[in-house]
Amino acid sequence: MLELAAATRDAAFREIIDAMQLAQAEAFLREVIAREEVQTTMMSQGIAFPHARTNLLERIVLGIGRSLQGVSFGPPERAQLIFVIGVPQRMVSDYLVCVGALARLTREEEMRQALLGAPTPDELVELLRKGSLVLE
């Protein structure tokens, strides 16, 4: 989702998860929100990694939302790039690899700016793929 309409955290989660077309989207959304209530996944520099480890999924899923104006995660925090990650309970180590790679990629200013400027979803995903190859 390159142009999130949502202005709030939970609305952004809903918008991204709806686009992921998951079989149990509402239940997954509830788990992501519940996890976020325990501890925010908002990182520095406008990046957030909301996630849920759940039995609702058979494989790792990733939904990406972008908001140039930023989505409120509570004053003064605003996320411009939101990576919603769903992970089956049994794949915790795979989740850590996924989040670690995304965190390393988005830590770089050049990569963040490229992701914020990507004109299409395919180009945004390609930037992530190329960046992760550099990390390997």
C-alpha atoms as a PDB file:
ATOM      1  CA  MET A   1       0.000   0.000   0.000  1.00  0.00           C
ATOM      2  CA  LEU A   2       1.923   3.031  -1.239  1.00  0.00           C
ATOM      3  CA  GLU A   3      -0.609   5.630  -0.173  1.00  0.00           C
ATOM      4  CA  LEU A   4      -2.222   4.708   3.114  1.00  0.00           C
ATOM      5  CA  ALA A   5      -5.394   6.684   3.736  1.00  0.00           C
ATOM      6  CA  ALA A   6      -5.328   5.911   7.461  1.00  0.00           C
ATOM      7  CA  ALA A   7      -4.171   8.523   9.952  1.00  0.00           C
ATOM      8  CA  THR A   8      -4.132   6.269  13.019  1.00  0.00           C
ATOM      9  CA  ARG A   9      -2.169   3.169  13.905  1.00  0.00           C
ATOM     10  CA  ASP A  10      -5.073   0.716  14.109  1.00  0.00           C
ATOM     11  CA  ALA A  11      -6.703   2.046  10.933  1.00  0.00           C
ATOM     12  CA  ALA A  12      -3.379   1.639   9.106  1.00  0.00           C
ATOM     13  CA  PHE A  13      -3.065  -1.930  10.395  1.00  0.00           C
ATOM     14  CA  ARG A  14      -6.577  -2.655   9.096  1.00  0.00           C
ATOM     15  CA  GLU A  15      -5.832  -1.108   5.707  1.00  0.00           C
ATOM     16  CA  ILE A  16      -2.613  -3.091   5.258  1.00  0.00           C
ATOM     17  CA  ILE A  17      -4.076  -6.378   6.539  1.00  0.00           C
ATOM     18  CA  ASP A  18      -7.155  -6.016   4.321  1.00  0.00           C
ATOM     19  CA  ALA A  19      -4.820  -5.700   1.319  1.00  0.00           C
ATOM     20  CA  MET A  20      -3.008  -8.893   2.379  1.00  0.00           C
ATOM     21  CA  GLN A  21      -6.230 -10.869   1.727  1.00  0.00           C
ATOM     22  CA  LEU A  22      -5.751 -13.296   4.595  1.00  0.00           C
ATOM     23  CA  ALA A  23      -8.375 -15.944   5.321  1.00  0.00           C
ATOM     24  CA  GLN A  24      -8.693 -14.830   8.953  1.00  0.00           C
ATOM     25  CA  ALA A  25      -7.900 -11.132   8.527  1.00  0.00           C
ATOM     26  CA  GLU A  26     -10.045  -9.868  11.437  1.00  0.00           C
ATOM     27  CA  ALA A  27      -8.564 -12.334  13.908  1.00  0.00           C
ATOM     28  CA  PHE A  28      -5.049 -11.515  12.695  1.00  0.00           C
ATOM     29  CA  LEU A  29      -5.761  -7.778  13.032  1.00  0.00           C
ATOM     30  CA  ARG A  30      -6.905  -8.311  16.633  1.00  0.00           C
ATOM     31  CA  GLU A  31      -3.677 -10.185  17.406  1.00  0.00           C
ATOM     32  CA  VAL A  32      -1.502  -7.463  15.834  1.00  0.00           C
ATOM     33  CA  ILE A  33      -3.304  -4.749  17.827  1.00  0.00           C
ATOM     34  CA  ALA A  34      -3.086  -6.786  21.060  1.00  0.00           C
ATOM     35  CA  ARG A  35       0.657  -7.259  20.521  1.00  0.00           C
ATOM     36  CA  GLU A  36       1.094  -3.543  19.853  1.00  0.00           C
ATOM     37  CA  GLU A  37      -0.694  -2.717  23.126  1.00  0.00           C
ATOM     38  CA  VAL A  38       1.914  -4.729  25.051  1.00  0.00           C
ATOM     39  CA  GLN A  39       4.842  -2.839  23.543  1.00  0.00           C
ATOM     40  CA  THR A  40       5.029  -0.536  20.566  1.00  0.00           C
ATOM     41  CA  THR A  41       6.809  -1.741  17.466  1.00  0.00           C
ATOM     42  CA  MET A  42       7.504   1.831  16.400  1.00  0.00           C
ATOM     43  CA  MET A  43      11.219   2.231  15.772  1.00  0.00           C
ATOM     44  CA  SER A  44      13.197   5.360  15.081  1.00  0.00           C
ATOM     45  CA  GLN A  45      13.142   7.274  11.805  1.00  0.00           C
ATOM     46  CA  GLY A  46       9.493   6.590  10.948  1.00  0.00           C
ATOM     47  CA  ILE A  47       9.654   2.794  10.748  1.00  0.00           C
ATOM     48  CA  ALA A  48       7.301   0.333  12.472  1.00  0.00           C
ATOM     49  CA  PHE A  49       7.286  -3.477  12.552  1.00  0.00           C
ATOM     50  CA  PRO A  50       3.876  -4.497  13.945  1.00  0.00           C
ATOM     51  CA  HIS A  51       3.578  -8.250  14.087  1.00  0.00           C
ATOM     52  CA  ALA A  52       1.858 -11.272  15.532  1.00  0.00           C
ATOM     53  CA  ARG A  53       3.112 -14.792  16.175  1.00  0.00           C
ATOM     54  CA  THR A  54      -0.013 -16.796  15.579  1.00  0.00           C
ATOM     55  CA  ASN A  55      -1.578 -20.142  14.784  1.00  0.00           C
ATOM     56  CA  LEU A  56      -3.790 -18.404  12.207  1.00  0.00           C
ATOM     57  CA  LEU A  57      -1.091 -18.649   9.530  1.00  0.00           C
ATOM     58  CA  GLU A  58       0.748 -21.474   7.772  1.00  0.00           C
ATOM     59  CA  ARG A  59       3.578 -19.285   6.440  1.00  0.00           C
ATOM     60  CA  ILE A  60       5.220 -15.929   7.099  1.00  0.00           C
ATOM     61  CA  VAL A  61       3.328 -13.038   5.527  1.00  0.00           C
ATOM     62  CA  LEU A  62       4.384  -9.422   5.054  1.00  0.00           C
ATOM     63  CA  GLY A  63       2.271  -6.400   4.243  1.00  0.00           C
ATOM     64  CA  ILE A  64       3.878  -3.019   3.684  1.00  0.00           C
ATOM     65  CA  GLY A  65       2.187   0.337   4.052  1.00  0.00           C
ATOM     66  CA  ARG A  66       3.638   3.730   3.246  1.00  0.00           C
ATOM     67  CA  SER A  67       2.383   7.121   4.371  1.00  0.00           C
ATOM     68  CA  LEU A  68       4.400  10.179   3.417  1.00  0.00           C
ATOM     69  CA  GLN A  69       2.565  12.310   6.011  1.00  0.00           C
ATOM     70  CA  GLY A  70       3.013   9.600   8.619  1.00  0.00           C
ATOM     71  CA  VAL A  71       0.593   7.518  10.669  1.00  0.00           C
ATOM     72  CA  SER A  72       0.225   8.413  14.328  1.00  0.00           C
ATOM     73  CA  PHE A  73       1.526   5.803  16.745  1.00  0.00           C
ATOM     74  CA  GLY A  74       0.836   8.200  19.612  1.00  0.00           C
ATOM     75  CA  PRO A  75       2.354  11.658  19.947  1.00  0.00           C
ATOM     76  CA  PRO A  76       4.935  12.445  18.765  1.00  0.00           C
ATOM     77  CA  GLU A  77       5.594   9.150  16.940  1.00  0.00           C
ATOM     78  CA  ARG A  78       4.633   8.969  13.251  1.00  0.00           C
ATOM     79  CA  ALA A  79       5.402   6.021  10.992  1.00  0.00           C
ATOM     80  CA  GLN A  80       5.989   6.484   7.294  1.00  0.00           C
ATOM     81  CA  LEU A  81       6.859   2.849   6.570  1.00  0.00           C
ATOM     82  CA  ILE A  82       4.865   0.108   8.305  1.00  0.00           C
ATOM     83  CA  PHE A  83       5.845  -3.530   7.861  1.00  0.00           C
ATOM     84  CA  VAL A  84       3.052  -5.809   9.170  1.00  0.00           C
ATOM     85  CA  ILE A  85       4.481  -9.274   9.749  1.00  0.00           C
ATOM     86  CA  GLY A  86       2.532 -12.436  10.484  1.00  0.00           C
ATOM     87  CA  VAL A  87       4.415 -15.502  11.647  1.00  0.00           C
ATOM     88  CA  PRO A  88       3.265 -19.020  12.494  1.00  0.00           C
ATOM     89  CA  GLN A  89       4.098 -19.897  16.114  1.00  0.00           C
ATOM     90  CA  ARG A  90       6.510 -22.611  15.000  1.00  0.00           C
ATOM     91  CA  MET A  91       8.614 -20.211  12.873  1.00  0.00           C
ATOM     92  CA  VAL A  92       9.965 -17.822  15.507  1.00  0.00           C
ATOM     93  CA  SER A  93      13.576 -18.048  14.314  1.00  0.00           C
ATOM     94  CA  ASP A  94      12.480 -17.298  10.729  1.00  0.00           C
ATOM     95  CA  TYR A  95      10.619 -14.259  12.043  1.00  0.00           C
ATOM     96  CA  LEU A  96      13.777 -12.995  13.745  1.00  0.00           C
ATOM     97  CA  VAL A  97      15.719 -13.316  10.486  1.00  0.00           C
ATOM     98  CA  CYS A  98      12.970 -11.444   8.591  1.00  0.00           C
ATOM     99  CA  VAL A  99      12.704  -8.578  11.064  1.00  0.00           C
ATOM    100  CA  GLY A 100      16.464  -8.346  11.444  1.00  0.00           C
ATOM    101  CA  ALA A 101      16.942  -7.997   7.688  1.00  0.00           C
ATOM    102  CA  LEU A 102      14.213  -5.350   7.417  1.00  0.00           C
ATOM    103  CA  ALA A 103      15.638  -3.432  10.378  1.00  0.00           C
ATOM    104  CA  ARG A 104      19.132  -3.431   8.877  1.00  0.00           C
ATOM    105  CA  LEU A 105      17.831  -2.309   5.489  1.00  0.00           C
ATOM    106  CA  THR A 106      15.685   0.507   6.845  1.00  0.00           C
ATOM    107  CA  ARG A 107      18.414   1.755   9.167  1.00  0.00           C
ATOM    108  CA  GLU A 108      20.199   3.230   6.129  1.00  0.00           C
ATOM    109  CA  GLU A 109      18.998   6.715   5.163  1.00  0.00           C
ATOM    110  CA  GLU A 110      19.553   6.052   1.460  1.00  0.00           C
ATOM    111  CA  MET A 111      17.347   2.937   1.567  1.00  0.00           C
ATOM    112  CA  ARG A 112      14.597   4.678   3.567  1.00  0.00           C
ATOM    113  CA  GLN A 113      14.506   7.504   1.043  1.00  0.00           C
ATOM    114  CA  ALA A 114      14.419   5.041  -1.855  1.00  0.00           C
ATOM    115  CA  LEU A 115      11.519   3.150  -0.242  1.00  0.00           C
ATOM    116  CA  LEU A 116       9.652   6.401   0.405  1.00  0.00           C
ATOM    117  CA  GLY A 117      10.172   7.417  -3.221  1.00  0.00           C
ATOM    118  CA  ALA A 118       9.414   4.107  -4.954  1.00  0.00           C
ATOM    119  CA  PRO A 119       6.737   4.854  -7.576  1.00  0.00           C
ATOM    120  CA  THR A 120       5.151   1.371  -7.598  1.00  0.00           C
ATOM    121  CA  PRO A 121       4.692  -1.530  -5.179  1.00  0.00           C
ATOM    122  CA  ASP A 122       6.822  -3.752  -7.426  1.00  0.00           C
ATOM    123  CA  GLU A 123       9.692  -1.261  -7.301  1.00  0.00           C
ATOM    124  CA  LEU A 124       9.453  -1.014  -3.509  1.00  0.00           C
ATOM    125  CA  VAL A 125       9.620  -4.809  -3.196  1.00  0.00           C
ATOM    126  CA  GLU A 126      12.519  -4.932  -5.653  1.00  0.00           C
ATOM    127  CA  LEU A 127      14.451  -2.414  -3.537  1.00  0.00           C
ATOM    128  CA  LEU A 128      13.976  -4.673  -0.503  1.00  0.00           C
ATOM    129  CA  ARG A 129      15.061  -7.751  -2.465  1.00  0.00           C
ATOM    130  CA  LYS A 130      18.189  -6.082  -3.810  1.00  0.00           C
ATOM    131  CA  GLY A 131      19.018  -4.661  -0.391  1.00  0.00           C
ATOM    132  CA  SER A 132      18.652  -8.041   1.295  1.00  0.00           C
ATOM    133  CA  LEU A 133      20.997  -9.627  -1.252  1.00  0.00           C
ATOM    134  CA  VAL A 134      23.623  -7.046  -0.314  1.00  0.00           C
ATOM    135  CA  LEU A 135      23.245  -8.086   3.340  1.00  0.00           C
ATOM    136  CA  GLU A 136      23.829 -11.788   2.662  1.00  0.00           C
END
